[in-house]
Amino acid sequence: MTTCEKAVAILKAASVPAEATDYGFRIRLPEAPARGFADCGMDNDSSISMSIDTDEMPPAIWFFRKDYLEMAELVIEAFKAAGGVHAVRADIVAALRRIDVDYDDTDLRRMTEAFLGELEDED
């Protein structure tokens, strides 16, 4: 089982409506099941990003983590803070933003720096 598959299993076990995709996973909400709430996938530096469409400007917000399991933890924590399985989009987005403020991105920054260093070495 890949790390992404584990993350999807953990999300589902926490009652978060997640599904595997070719590039990572997607979160859907009961209030709008045909419309994806969040898409999560791997970036070039092997970090994980999640985008969420909003009705704001810019029209999408992004969250970054070092791996799929960290991203799953973020999503689960946000769903719990927003009311669990009955959480609505606006409350989940607000919870994600509150939680993200306290994220220690040291390991994520190291991953990116290592990736950029590898690119420089190729020149």
PDB file of N, CA and C in Angstrom:
ATOM      1  N   MET A   1       0.842  -1.173   0.000  1.00  0.00           N
ATOM      2  CA  MET A   1       0.000   0.000   0.000  1.00  0.00           C
ATOM      3  C   MET A   1       0.894   1.246   0.000  1.00  0.00           C
ATOM      4  N   THR A   2       0.608   2.166  -0.912  1.00  0.00           N
ATOM      5  CA  THR A   2       1.386   3.404  -0.993  1.00  0.00           C
ATOM      6  C   THR A   2       0.993   4.355   0.138  1.00  0.00           C
ATOM      7  N   THR A   3       1.806   5.368   0.336  1.00  0.00           N
ATOM      8  CA  THR A   3       1.494   6.377   1.345  1.00  0.00           C
ATOM      9  C   THR A   3       0.187   7.081   1.009  1.00  0.00           C
ATOM     10  N   CYS A   4      -0.058   7.325  -0.262  1.00  0.00           N
ATOM     11  CA  CYS A   4      -1.302   7.970  -0.671  1.00  0.00           C
ATOM     12  C   CYS A   4      -2.495   7.060  -0.367  1.00  0.00           C
ATOM     13  N   GLU A   5      -2.379   5.784  -0.654  1.00  0.00           N
ATOM     14  CA  GLU A   5      -3.458   4.843  -0.352  1.00  0.00           C
ATOM     15  C   GLU A   5      -3.725   4.777   1.150  1.00  0.00           C
ATOM     16  N   LYS A   6      -2.660   4.822   1.940  1.00  0.00           N
ATOM     17  CA  LYS A   6      -2.823   4.851   3.400  1.00  0.00           C
ATOM     18  C   LYS A   6      -3.564   6.117   3.824  1.00  0.00           C
ATOM     19  N   ALA A   7      -3.204   7.241   3.231  1.00  0.00           N
ATOM     20  CA  ALA A   7      -3.859   8.505   3.569  1.00  0.00           C
ATOM     21  C   ALA A   7      -5.351   8.440   3.256  1.00  0.00           C
ATOM     22  N   VAL A   8      -5.700   7.894   2.102  1.00  0.00           N
ATOM     23  CA  VAL A   8      -7.118   7.778   1.730  1.00  0.00           C
ATOM     24  C   VAL A   8      -7.839   6.868   2.717  1.00  0.00           C
ATOM     25  N   ALA A   9      -7.214   5.771   3.109  1.00  0.00           N
ATOM     26  CA  ALA A   9      -7.823   4.851   4.080  1.00  0.00           C
ATOM     27  C   ALA A   9      -8.028   5.542   5.429  1.00  0.00           C
ATOM     28  N   ILE A  10      -7.042   6.336   5.864  1.00  0.00           N
ATOM     29  CA  ILE A  10      -7.147   7.063   7.125  1.00  0.00           C
ATOM     30  C   ILE A  10      -8.267   8.105   7.044  1.00  0.00           C
ATOM     31  N   LEU A  11      -8.344   8.804   5.929  1.00  0.00           N
ATOM     32  CA  LEU A  11      -9.410   9.793   5.738  1.00  0.00           C
ATOM     33  C   LEU A  11     -10.781   9.126   5.799  1.00  0.00           C
ATOM     34  N   LYS A  12     -10.945   8.030   5.082  1.00  0.00           N
ATOM     35  CA  LYS A  12     -12.231   7.329   5.078  1.00  0.00           C
ATOM     36  C   LYS A  12     -12.584   6.803   6.465  1.00  0.00           C
ATOM     37  N   ALA A  13     -11.591   6.286   7.187  1.00  0.00           N
ATOM     38  CA  ALA A  13     -11.830   5.787   8.542  1.00  0.00           C
ATOM     39  C   ALA A  13     -12.300   6.913   9.469  1.00  0.00           C
ATOM     40  N   ALA A  14     -11.900   8.147   9.158  1.00  0.00           N
ATOM     41  CA  ALA A  14     -12.307   9.310   9.939  1.00  0.00           C
ATOM     42  C   ALA A  14     -13.593   9.930   9.385  1.00  0.00           C
ATOM     43  N   SER A  15     -14.252   9.238   8.476  1.00  0.00           N
ATOM     44  CA  SER A  15     -15.514   9.681   7.851  1.00  0.00           C
ATOM     45  C   SER A  15     -15.358  10.908   6.955  1.00  0.00           C
ATOM     46  N   VAL A  16     -14.158  11.119   6.439  1.00  0.00           N
ATOM     47  CA  VAL A  16     -13.939  12.187   5.455  1.00  0.00           C
ATOM     48  C   VAL A  16     -14.176  11.569   4.077  1.00  0.00           C
ATOM     49  N   PRO A  17     -15.045  12.180   3.267  1.00  0.00           N
ATOM     50  CA  PRO A  17     -15.378  11.613   1.956  1.00  0.00           C
ATOM     51  C   PRO A  17     -14.237  11.762   0.936  1.00  0.00           C
ATOM     52  N   ALA A  18     -13.276  10.854   1.014  1.00  0.00           N
ATOM     53  CA  ALA A  18     -12.087  10.904   0.154  1.00  0.00           C
ATOM     54  C   ALA A  18     -12.130   9.785  -0.875  1.00  0.00           C
ATOM     55  N   GLU A  19     -11.489  10.045  -1.999  1.00  0.00           N
ATOM     56  CA  GLU A  19     -11.356   9.014  -3.033  1.00  0.00           C
ATOM     57  C   GLU A  19      -9.989   9.145  -3.686  1.00  0.00           C
ATOM     58  N   ALA A  20      -9.424   8.025  -4.050  1.00  0.00           N
ATOM     59  CA  ALA A  20      -8.128   8.028  -4.729  1.00  0.00           C
ATOM     60  C   ALA A  20      -8.313   8.544  -6.149  1.00  0.00           C
ATOM     61  N   THR A  21      -7.296   9.236  -6.645  1.00  0.00           N
ATOM     62  CA  THR A  21      -7.254   9.679  -8.034  1.00  0.00           C
ATOM     63  C   THR A  21      -5.925   9.211  -8.624  1.00  0.00           C
ATOM     64  N   ASP A  22      -5.729   9.454  -9.899  1.00  0.00           N
ATOM     65  CA  ASP A  22      -4.475   9.064 -10.540  1.00  0.00           C
ATOM     66  C   ASP A  22      -3.278   9.838  -9.991  1.00  0.00           C
ATOM     67  N   TYR A  23      -3.515  10.988  -9.412  1.00  0.00           N
ATOM     68  CA  TYR A  23      -2.431  11.854  -8.961  1.00  0.00           C
ATOM     69  C   TYR A  23      -2.382  12.025  -7.439  1.00  0.00           C
ATOM     70  N   GLY A  24      -3.333  11.467  -6.710  1.00  0.00           N
ATOM     71  CA  GLY A  24      -3.378  11.640  -5.260  1.00  0.00           C
ATOM     72  C   GLY A  24      -4.742  11.283  -4.717  1.00  0.00           C
ATOM     73  N   PHE A  25      -5.438  12.292  -4.177  1.00  0.00           N
ATOM     74  CA  PHE A  25      -6.805  12.045  -3.719  1.00  0.00           C
ATOM     75  C   PHE A  25      -7.660  13.296  -3.840  1.00  0.00           C
ATOM     76  N   ARG A  26      -8.964  13.070  -3.794  1.00  0.00           N
ATOM     77  CA  ARG A  26      -9.952  14.147  -3.885  1.00  0.00           C
ATOM     78  C   ARG A  26     -10.884  14.025  -2.688  1.00  0.00           C
ATOM     79  N   ILE A  27     -11.309  15.176  -2.188  1.00  0.00           N
ATOM     80  CA  ILE A  27     -12.291  15.232  -1.118  1.00  0.00           C
ATOM     81  C   ILE A  27     -13.574  15.793  -1.719  1.00  0.00           C
ATOM     82  N   ARG A  28     -14.675  15.104  -1.469  1.00  0.00           N
ATOM     83  CA  ARG A  28     -15.993  15.590  -1.907  1.00  0.00           C
ATOM     84  C   ARG A  28     -16.818  15.874  -0.659  1.00  0.00           C
ATOM     85  N   LEU A  29     -17.774  16.765  -0.786  1.00  0.00           N
ATOM     86  CA  LEU A  29     -18.641  17.080   0.340  1.00  0.00           C
ATOM     87  C   LEU A  29     -20.058  16.615   0.059  1.00  0.00           C
ATOM     88  N   PRO A  30     -20.756  16.145   1.089  1.00  0.00           N
ATOM     89  CA  PRO A  30     -22.141  15.716   0.890  1.00  0.00           C
ATOM     90  C   PRO A  30     -23.034  16.821   0.326  1.00  0.00           C
ATOM     91  N   GLU A  31     -22.736  18.085   0.661  1.00  0.00           N
ATOM     92  CA  GLU A  31     -23.561  19.203   0.186  1.00  0.00           C
ATOM     93  C   GLU A  31     -23.447  19.405  -1.332  1.00  0.00           C
ATOM     94  N   ALA A  32     -22.355  18.935  -1.946  1.00  0.00           N
ATOM     95  CA  ALA A  32     -22.152  19.085  -3.397  1.00  0.00           C
ATOM     96  C   ALA A  32     -21.286  17.939  -3.899  1.00  0.00           C
ATOM     97  N   PRO A  33     -21.809  16.706  -3.901  1.00  0.00           N
ATOM     98  CA  PRO A  33     -20.984  15.552  -4.244  1.00  0.00           C
ATOM     99  C   PRO A  33     -20.442  15.538  -5.680  1.00  0.00           C
ATOM    100  N   ALA A  34     -21.113  16.204  -6.599  1.00  0.00           N
ATOM    101  CA  ALA A  34     -20.637  16.220  -7.982  1.00  0.00           C
ATOM    102  C   ALA A  34     -19.449  17.159  -8.151  1.00  0.00           C
ATOM    103  N   ARG A  35     -19.310  18.089  -7.235  1.00  0.00           N
ATOM    104  CA  ARG A  35     -18.228  19.075  -7.304  1.00  0.00           C
ATOM    105  C   ARG A  35     -17.165  18.703  -6.290  1.00  0.00           C
ATOM    106  N   GLY A  36     -15.953  18.556  -6.734  1.00  0.00           N
ATOM    107  CA  GLY A  36     -14.875  18.254  -5.805  1.00  0.00           C
ATOM    108  C   GLY A  36     -14.644  19.419  -4.866  1.00  0.00           C
ATOM    109  N   PHE A  37     -14.349  19.120  -3.618  1.00  0.00           N
ATOM    110  CA  PHE A  37     -14.035  20.167  -2.644  1.00  0.00           C
ATOM    111  C   PHE A  37     -12.553  20.489  -2.678  1.00  0.00           C
ATOM    112  N   ALA A  38     -11.722  19.438  -2.692  1.00  0.00           N
ATOM    113  CA  ALA A  38     -10.279  19.632  -2.651  1.00  0.00           C
ATOM    114  C   ALA A  38      -9.594  18.548  -3.467  1.00  0.00           C
ATOM    115  N   ASP A  39      -8.540  18.921  -4.155  1.00  0.00           N
ATOM    116  CA  ASP A  39      -7.706  17.975  -4.900  1.00  0.00           C
ATOM    117  C   ASP A  39      -6.305  18.030  -4.330  1.00  0.00           C
ATOM    118  N   CYS A  40      -5.748  16.863  -4.097  1.00  0.00           N
ATOM    119  CA  CYS A  40      -4.446  16.753  -3.466  1.00  0.00           C
ATOM    120  C   CYS A  40      -3.541  15.892  -4.339  1.00  0.00           C
ATOM    121  N   GLY A  41      -2.308  16.328  -4.538  1.00  0.00           N
ATOM    122  CA  GLY A  41      -1.368  15.569  -5.348  1.00  0.00           C
ATOM    123  C   GLY A  41       0.067  15.941  -5.049  1.00  0.00           C
ATOM    124  N   MET A  42       0.974  15.225  -5.700  1.00  0.00           N
ATOM    125  CA  MET A  42       2.403  15.415  -5.466  1.00  0.00           C
ATOM    126  C   MET A  42       2.970  16.446  -6.432  1.00  0.00           C
ATOM    127  N   ASP A  43       3.810  17.325  -5.892  1.00  0.00           N
ATOM    128  CA  ASP A  43       4.487  18.330  -6.697  1.00  0.00           C
ATOM    129  C   ASP A  43       5.837  17.792  -7.182  1.00  0.00           C
ATOM    130  N   ASN A  44       6.509  18.563  -8.022  1.00  0.00           N
ATOM    131  CA  ASN A  44       7.794  18.137  -8.589  1.00  0.00           C
ATOM    132  C   ASN A  44       8.855  17.847  -7.536  1.00  0.00           C
ATOM    133  N   ASP A  45       8.788  18.548  -6.400  1.00  0.00           N
ATOM    134  CA  ASP A  45       9.789  18.344  -5.355  1.00  0.00           C
ATOM    135  C   ASP A  45       9.390  17.242  -4.372  1.00  0.00           C
ATOM    136  N   SER A  46       8.356  16.476  -4.708  1.00  0.00           N
ATOM    137  CA  SER A  46       7.813  15.373  -3.901  1.00  0.00           C
ATOM    138  C   SER A  46       7.011  15.846  -2.704  1.00  0.00           C
ATOM    139  N   SER A  47       6.809  17.151  -2.559  1.00  0.00           N
ATOM    140  CA  SER A  47       5.916  17.626  -1.511  1.00  0.00           C
ATOM    141  C   SER A  47       4.477  17.446  -1.994  1.00  0.00           C
ATOM    142  N   ILE A  48       3.549  17.638  -1.081  1.00  0.00           N
ATOM    143  CA  ILE A  48       2.140  17.423  -1.383  1.00  0.00           C
ATOM    144  C   ILE A  48       1.406  18.748  -1.303  1.00  0.00           C
ATOM    145  N   SER A  49       0.584  19.020  -2.296  1.00  0.00           N
ATOM    146  CA  SER A  49      -0.216  20.239  -2.273  1.00  0.00           C
ATOM    147  C   SER A  49      -1.693  19.874  -2.396  1.00  0.00           C
ATOM    148  N   MET A  50      -2.526  20.732  -1.825  1.00  0.00           N
ATOM    149  CA  MET A  50      -3.962  20.550  -1.918  1.00  0.00           C
ATOM    150  C   MET A  50      -4.568  21.882  -2.321  1.00  0.00           C
ATOM    151  N   SER A  51      -5.384  21.863  -3.365  1.00  0.00           N
ATOM    152  CA  SER A  51      -6.060  23.077  -3.808  1.00  0.00           C
ATOM    153  C   SER A  51      -7.548  22.955  -3.522  1.00  0.00           C
ATOM    154  N   ILE A  52      -8.120  24.086  -3.160  1.00  0.00           N
ATOM    155  CA  ILE A  52      -9.541  24.163  -2.874  1.00  0.00           C
ATOM    156  C   ILE A  52     -10.105  25.343  -3.648  1.00  0.00           C
ATOM    157  N   ASP A  53     -11.112  25.079  -4.484  1.00  0.00           N
ATOM    158  CA  ASP A  53     -11.777  26.151  -5.210  1.00  0.00           C
ATOM    159  C   ASP A  53     -12.606  26.968  -4.230  1.00  0.00           C
ATOM    160  N   THR A  54     -12.568  28.279  -4.398  1.00  0.00           N
ATOM    161  CA  THR A  54     -13.356  29.165  -3.536  1.00  0.00           C
ATOM    162  C   THR A  54     -14.094  30.166  -4.405  1.00  0.00           C
ATOM    163  N   ASP A  55     -14.964  30.911  -3.779  1.00  0.00           N
ATOM    164  CA  ASP A  55     -15.663  31.996  -4.461  1.00  0.00           C
ATOM    165  C   ASP A  55     -14.967  33.321  -4.181  1.00  0.00           C
ATOM    166  N   GLU A  56     -13.696  33.234  -3.793  1.00  0.00           N
ATOM    167  CA  GLU A  56     -12.909  34.406  -3.435  1.00  0.00           C
ATOM    168  C   GLU A  56     -11.950  34.743  -4.574  1.00  0.00           C
ATOM    169  N   MET A  57     -11.168  35.766  -4.344  1.00  0.00           N
ATOM    170  CA  MET A  57     -10.067  36.082  -5.252  1.00  0.00           C
ATOM    171  C   MET A  57      -8.790  35.992  -4.456  1.00  0.00           C
ATOM    172  N   PRO A  58      -7.816  35.235  -4.844  1.00  0.00           N
ATOM    173  CA  PRO A  58      -7.831  34.354  -6.010  1.00  0.00           C
ATOM    174  C   PRO A  58      -8.831  33.208  -5.816  1.00  0.00           C
ATOM    175  N   PRO A  59      -9.239  32.581  -6.909  1.00  0.00           N
ATOM    176  CA  PRO A  59     -10.311  31.588  -6.851  1.00  0.00           C
ATOM    177  C   PRO A  59      -9.922  30.218  -6.284  1.00  0.00           C
ATOM    178  N   ALA A  60      -8.698  30.076  -5.846  1.00  0.00           N
ATOM    179  CA  ALA A  60      -8.271  28.820  -5.220  1.00  0.00           C
ATOM    180  C   ALA A  60      -7.312  29.139  -4.083  1.00  0.00           C
ATOM    181  N   ILE A  61      -7.369  28.314  -3.060  1.00  0.00           N
ATOM    182  CA  ILE A  61      -6.395  28.428  -1.973  1.00  0.00           C
ATOM    183  C   ILE A  61      -5.604  27.133  -1.941  1.00  0.00           C
ATOM    184  N   TRP A  62      -4.392  27.224  -1.462  1.00  0.00           N
ATOM    185  CA  TRP A  62      -3.482  26.084  -1.480  1.00  0.00           C
ATOM    186  C   TRP A  62      -2.952  25.801  -0.080  1.00  0.00           C
ATOM    187  N   PHE A  63      -2.745  24.514   0.182  1.00  0.00           N
ATOM    188  CA  PHE A  63      -2.108  24.061   1.414  1.00  0.00           C
ATOM    189  C   PHE A  63      -1.002  23.096   1.018  1.00  0.00           C
ATOM    190  N   PHE A  64       0.088  23.118   1.750  1.00  0.00           N
ATOM    191  CA  PHE A  64       1.249  22.296   1.421  1.00  0.00           C
ATOM    192  C   PHE A  64       1.691  21.498   2.639  1.00  0.00           C
ATOM    193  N   ARG A  65       2.084  20.258   2.395  1.00  0.00           N
ATOM    194  CA  ARG A  65       2.603  19.385   3.438  1.00  0.00           C
ATOM    195  C   ARG A  65       3.719  18.546   2.842  1.00  0.00           C
ATOM    196  N   LYS A  66       4.506  17.893   3.713  1.00  0.00           N
ATOM    197  CA  LYS A  66       5.652  17.127   3.215  1.00  0.00           C
ATOM    198  C   LYS A  66       5.250  15.763   2.669  1.00  0.00           C
ATOM    199  N   ASP A  67       4.080  15.223   3.087  1.00  0.00           N
ATOM    200  CA  ASP A  67       3.646  13.925   2.548  1.00  0.00           C
ATOM    201  C   ASP A  67       2.129  13.785   2.672  1.00  0.00           C
ATOM    202  N   TYR A  68       1.604  12.740   2.052  1.00  0.00           N
ATOM    203  CA  TYR A  68       0.157  12.511   2.040  1.00  0.00           C
ATOM    204  C   TYR A  68      -0.408  12.301   3.448  1.00  0.00           C
ATOM    205  N   LEU A  69       0.341  11.666   4.326  1.00  0.00           N
ATOM    206  CA  LEU A  69      -0.155  11.408   5.674  1.00  0.00           C
ATOM    207  C   LEU A  69      -0.319  12.706   6.457  1.00  0.00           C
ATOM    208  N   GLU A  70       0.625  13.620   6.299  1.00  0.00           N
ATOM    209  CA  GLU A  70       0.495  14.936   6.935  1.00  0.00           C
ATOM    210  C   GLU A  70      -0.729  15.671   6.400  1.00  0.00           C
ATOM    211  N   MET A  71      -0.955  15.571   5.097  1.00  0.00           N
ATOM    212  CA  MET A  71      -2.105  16.249   4.501  1.00  0.00           C
ATOM    213  C   MET A  71      -3.398  15.632   5.024  1.00  0.00           C
ATOM    214  N   ALA A  72      -3.425  14.316   5.150  1.00  0.00           N
ATOM    215  CA  ALA A  72      -4.616  13.657   5.696  1.00  0.00           C
ATOM    216  C   ALA A  72      -4.884  14.138   7.114  1.00  0.00           C
ATOM    217  N   GLU A  73      -3.842  14.284   7.927  1.00  0.00           N
ATOM    218  CA  GLU A  73      -4.003  14.785   9.300  1.00  0.00           C
ATOM    219  C   GLU A  73      -4.608  16.187   9.303  1.00  0.00           C
ATOM    220  N   LEU A  74      -4.128  17.038   8.408  1.00  0.00           N
ATOM    221  CA  LEU A  74      -4.667  18.394   8.299  1.00  0.00           C
ATOM    222  C   LEU A  74      -6.156  18.352   7.981  1.00  0.00           C
ATOM    223  N   VAL A  75      -6.529  17.553   6.996  1.00  0.00           N
ATOM    224  CA  VAL A  75      -7.928  17.485   6.567  1.00  0.00           C
ATOM    225  C   VAL A  75      -8.809  16.933   7.684  1.00  0.00           C
ATOM    226  N   ILE A  76      -8.367  15.885   8.337  1.00  0.00           N
ATOM    227  CA  ILE A  76      -9.152  15.288   9.422  1.00  0.00           C
ATOM    228  C   ILE A  76      -9.347  16.283  10.557  1.00  0.00           C
ATOM    229  N   GLU A  77      -8.285  16.971  10.932  1.00  0.00           N
ATOM    230  CA  GLU A  77      -8.374  17.961  12.008  1.00  0.00           C
ATOM    231  C   GLU A  77      -9.351  19.076  11.626  1.00  0.00           C
ATOM    232  N   ALA A  78      -9.302  19.518  10.364  1.00  0.00           N
ATOM    233  CA  ALA A  78     -10.200  20.583   9.909  1.00  0.00           C
ATOM    234  C   ALA A  78     -11.655  20.114   9.908  1.00  0.00           C
ATOM    235  N   PHE A  79     -11.894  18.893   9.434  1.00  0.00           N
ATOM    236  CA  PHE A  79     -13.261  18.366   9.432  1.00  0.00           C
ATOM    237  C   PHE A  79     -13.804  18.280  10.852  1.00  0.00           C
ATOM    238  N   LYS A  80     -12.989  17.801  11.773  1.00  0.00           N
ATOM    239  CA  LYS A  80     -13.427  17.709  13.178  1.00  0.00           C
ATOM    240  C   LYS A  80     -13.750  19.089  13.730  1.00  0.00           C
ATOM    241  N   ALA A  81     -12.875  20.058  13.488  1.00  0.00           N
ATOM    242  CA  ALA A  81     -13.072  21.411  13.997  1.00  0.00           C
ATOM    243  C   ALA A  81     -14.299  22.080  13.381  1.00  0.00           C
ATOM    244  N   ALA A  82     -14.658  21.663  12.174  1.00  0.00           N
ATOM    245  CA  ALA A  82     -15.775  22.283  11.456  1.00  0.00           C
ATOM    246  C   ALA A  82     -17.104  21.568  11.686  1.00  0.00           C
ATOM    247  N   GLY A  83     -17.108  20.507  12.474  1.00  0.00           N
ATOM    248  CA  GLY A  83     -18.385  19.845  12.757  1.00  0.00           C
ATOM    249  C   GLY A  83     -18.493  18.413  12.297  1.00  0.00           C
ATOM    250  N   GLY A  84     -17.397  17.821  11.872  1.00  0.00           N
ATOM    251  CA  GLY A  84     -17.414  16.405  11.493  1.00  0.00           C
ATOM    252  C   GLY A  84     -18.059  16.140  10.151  1.00  0.00           C
ATOM    253  N   VAL A  85     -18.786  15.027  10.063  1.00  0.00           N
ATOM    254  CA  VAL A  85     -19.327  14.593   8.770  1.00  0.00           C
ATOM    255  C   VAL A  85     -20.362  15.555   8.203  1.00  0.00           C
ATOM    256  N   HIS A  86     -20.904  16.434   9.036  1.00  0.00           N
ATOM    257  CA  HIS A  86     -21.893  17.398   8.565  1.00  0.00           C
ATOM    258  C   HIS A  86     -21.289  18.773   8.319  1.00  0.00           C
ATOM    259  N   ALA A  87     -19.988  18.842   8.319  1.00  0.00           N
ATOM    260  CA  ALA A  87     -19.299  20.118   8.101  1.00  0.00           C
ATOM    261  C   ALA A  87     -19.614  20.656   6.711  1.00  0.00           C
ATOM    262  N   VAL A  88     -19.673  21.971   6.612  1.00  0.00           N
ATOM    263  CA  VAL A  88     -19.919  22.624   5.325  1.00  0.00           C
ATOM    264  C   VAL A  88     -18.639  23.301   4.839  1.00  0.00           C
ATOM    265  N   ARG A  89     -18.604  23.550   3.560  1.00  0.00           N
ATOM    266  CA  ARG A  89     -17.422  24.090   2.873  1.00  0.00           C
ATOM    267  C   ARG A  89     -16.795  25.277   3.609  1.00  0.00           C
ATOM    268  N   ALA A  90     -17.560  26.294   3.892  1.00  0.00           N
ATOM    269  CA  ALA A  90     -16.997  27.512   4.496  1.00  0.00           C
ATOM    270  C   ALA A  90     -16.359  27.224   5.848  1.00  0.00           C
ATOM    271  N   ASP A  91     -16.980  26.371   6.637  1.00  0.00           N
ATOM    272  CA  ASP A  91     -16.428  26.051   7.955  1.00  0.00           C
ATOM    273  C   ASP A  91     -15.147  25.232   7.844  1.00  0.00           C
ATOM    274  N   ILE A  92     -15.088  24.340   6.872  1.00  0.00           N
ATOM    275  CA  ILE A  92     -13.878  23.527   6.678  1.00  0.00           C
ATOM    276  C   ILE A  92     -12.731  24.415   6.211  1.00  0.00           C
ATOM    277  N   VAL A  93     -13.005  25.300   5.267  1.00  0.00           N
ATOM    278  CA  VAL A  93     -11.967  26.210   4.763  1.00  0.00           C
ATOM    279  C   VAL A  93     -11.451  27.093   5.903  1.00  0.00           C
ATOM    280  N   ALA A  94     -12.352  27.610   6.716  1.00  0.00           N
ATOM    281  CA  ALA A  94     -11.930  28.441   7.846  1.00  0.00           C
ATOM    282  C   ALA A  94     -11.065  27.636   8.815  1.00  0.00           C
ATOM    283  N   ALA A  95     -11.447  26.397   9.080  1.00  0.00           N
ATOM    284  CA  ALA A  95     -10.656  25.536   9.977  1.00  0.00           C
ATOM    285  C   ALA A  95      -9.291  25.233   9.370  1.00  0.00           C
ATOM    286  N   LEU A  96      -9.241  24.940   8.087  1.00  0.00           N
ATOM    287  CA  LEU A  96      -7.959  24.682   7.424  1.00  0.00           C
ATOM    288  C   LEU A  96      -7.027  25.875   7.577  1.00  0.00           C
ATOM    289  N   ARG A  97      -7.554  27.051   7.366  1.00  0.00           N
ATOM    290  CA  ARG A  97      -6.729  28.266   7.481  1.00  0.00           C
ATOM    291  C   ARG A  97      -6.228  28.460   8.913  1.00  0.00           C
ATOM    292  N   ARG A  98      -7.100  28.246   9.908  1.00  0.00           N
ATOM    293  CA  ARG A  98      -6.685  28.400  11.308  1.00  0.00           C
ATOM    294  C   ARG A  98      -5.582  27.412  11.665  1.00  0.00           C
ATOM    295  N   ILE A  99      -5.749  26.173  11.234  1.00  0.00           N
ATOM    296  CA  ILE A  99      -4.773  25.122  11.548  1.00  0.00           C
ATOM    297  C   ILE A  99      -3.454  25.376  10.828  1.00  0.00           C
ATOM    298  N   ASP A 100      -3.547  25.813   9.587  1.00  0.00           N
ATOM    299  CA  ASP A 100      -2.355  26.001   8.762  1.00  0.00           C
ATOM    300  C   ASP A 100      -1.417  27.069   9.328  1.00  0.00           C
ATOM    301  N   VAL A 101      -1.966  28.040  10.009  1.00  0.00           N
ATOM    302  CA  VAL A 101      -1.161  29.133  10.584  1.00  0.00           C
ATOM    303  C   VAL A 101      -0.092  28.576  11.536  1.00  0.00           C
ATOM    304  N   ASP A 102      -0.421  27.507  12.242  1.00  0.00           N
ATOM    305  CA  ASP A 102       0.508  26.945  13.229  1.00  0.00           C
ATOM    306  C   ASP A 102       1.392  25.824  12.681  1.00  0.00           C
ATOM    307  N   TYR A 103       1.318  25.565  11.378  1.00  0.00           N
ATOM    308  CA  TYR A 103       2.100  24.467  10.788  1.00  0.00           C
ATOM    309  C   TYR A 103       3.594  24.788  10.795  1.00  0.00           C
ATOM    310  N   ASP A 104       4.384  23.869  11.300  1.00  0.00           N
ATOM    311  CA  ASP A 104       5.846  24.006  11.272  1.00  0.00           C
ATOM    312  C   ASP A 104       6.320  23.445   9.933  1.00  0.00           C
ATOM    313  N   ASP A 105       6.677  24.329   9.020  1.00  0.00           N
ATOM    314  CA  ASP A 105       7.031  23.909   7.667  1.00  0.00           C
ATOM    315  C   ASP A 105       8.535  23.665   7.474  1.00  0.00           C
ATOM    316  N   THR A 106       9.260  23.461   8.560  1.00  0.00           N
ATOM    317  CA  THR A 106      10.712  23.269   8.475  1.00  0.00           C
ATOM    318  C   THR A 106      11.070  22.095   7.567  1.00  0.00           C
ATOM    319  N   ASP A 107      10.456  20.931   7.786  1.00  0.00           N
ATOM    320  CA  ASP A 107      10.766  19.757   6.958  1.00  0.00           C
ATOM    321  C   ASP A 107      10.365  19.970   5.507  1.00  0.00           C
ATOM    322  N   LEU A 108       9.249  20.626   5.292  1.00  0.00           N
ATOM    323  CA  LEU A 108       8.798  20.920   3.932  1.00  0.00           C
ATOM    324  C   LEU A 108       9.791  21.838   3.220  1.00  0.00           C
ATOM    325  N   ARG A 109      10.269  22.846   3.910  1.00  0.00           N
ATOM    326  CA  ARG A 109      11.252  23.762   3.328  1.00  0.00           C
ATOM    327  C   ARG A 109      12.563  23.032   2.998  1.00  0.00           C
ATOM    328  N   ARG A 110      12.968  22.124   3.864  1.00  0.00           N
ATOM    329  CA  ARG A 110      14.188  21.345   3.598  1.00  0.00           C
ATOM    330  C   ARG A 110      14.026  20.493   2.342  1.00  0.00           C
ATOM    331  N   MET A 111      12.852  19.885   2.183  1.00  0.00           N
ATOM    332  CA  MET A 111      12.599  19.089   0.977  1.00  0.00           C
ATOM    333  C   MET A 111      12.733  19.954  -0.278  1.00  0.00           C
ATOM    334  N   THR A 112      12.130  21.129  -0.233  1.00  0.00           N
ATOM    335  CA  THR A 112      12.169  22.029  -1.385  1.00  0.00           C
ATOM    336  C   THR A 112      13.593  22.501  -1.658  1.00  0.00           C
ATOM    337  N   GLU A 113      14.316  22.847  -0.606  1.00  0.00           N
ATOM    338  CA  GLU A 113      15.709  23.282  -0.779  1.00  0.00           C
ATOM    339  C   GLU A 113      16.558  22.168  -1.387  1.00  0.00           C
ATOM    340  N   ALA A 114      16.358  20.931  -0.941  1.00  0.00           N
ATOM    341  CA  ALA A 114      17.112  19.794  -1.486  1.00  0.00           C
ATOM    342  C   ALA A 114      16.783  19.610  -2.962  1.00  0.00           C
ATOM    343  N   PHE A 115      15.505  19.736  -3.307  1.00  0.00           N
ATOM    344  CA  PHE A 115      15.088  19.604  -4.700  1.00  0.00           C
ATOM    345  C   PHE A 115      15.720  20.692  -5.557  1.00  0.00           C
ATOM    346  N   LEU A 116      15.683  21.933  -5.070  1.00  0.00           N
ATOM    347  CA  LEU A 116      16.270  23.034  -5.824  1.00  0.00           C
ATOM    348  C   LEU A 116      17.778  22.866  -5.958  1.00  0.00           C
ATOM    349  N   GLY A 117      18.418  22.330  -4.917  1.00  0.00           N
ATOM    350  CA  GLY A 117      19.851  22.057  -4.988  1.00  0.00           C
ATOM    351  C   GLY A 117      20.172  21.016  -6.044  1.00  0.00           C
ATOM    352  N   GLU A 118      19.320  20.000  -6.169  1.00  0.00           N
ATOM    353  CA  GLU A 118      19.508  18.985  -7.206  1.00  0.00           C
ATOM    354  C   GLU A 118      19.380  19.589  -8.597  1.00  0.00           C
ATOM    355  N   LEU A 119      18.439  20.528  -8.761  1.00  0.00           N
ATOM    356  CA  LEU A 119      18.278  21.180 -10.057  1.00  0.00           C
ATOM    357  C   LEU A 119      19.517  21.991 -10.418  1.00  0.00           C
ATOM    358  N   GLU A 120      20.080  22.679  -9.432  1.00  0.00           N
ATOM    359  CA  GLU A 120      21.278  23.473  -9.673  1.00  0.00           C
ATOM    360  C   GLU A 120      22.454  22.576 -10.046  1.00  0.00           C
ATOM    361  N   ASP A 121      22.535  21.386  -9.420  1.00  0.00           N
ATOM    362  CA  ASP A 121      23.601  20.450  -9.715  1.00  0.00           C
ATOM    363  C   ASP A 121      23.543  19.924 -11.136  1.00  0.00           C
ATOM    364  N   GLU A 122      22.334  19.904 -11.719  1.00  0.00           N
ATOM    365  CA  GLU A 122      22.170  19.403 -13.086  1.00  0.00           C
ATOM    366  C   GLU A 122      22.678  20.381 -14.127  1.00  0.00           C
ATOM    367  N   ASP A 123      22.796  21.645 -13.775  1.00  0.00           N
ATOM    368  CA  ASP A 123      23.232  22.668 -14.751  1.00  0.00           C
ATOM    369  C   ASP A 123      24.690  22.549 -15.094  1.00  0.00           C
TER     370      ASP A 123
END
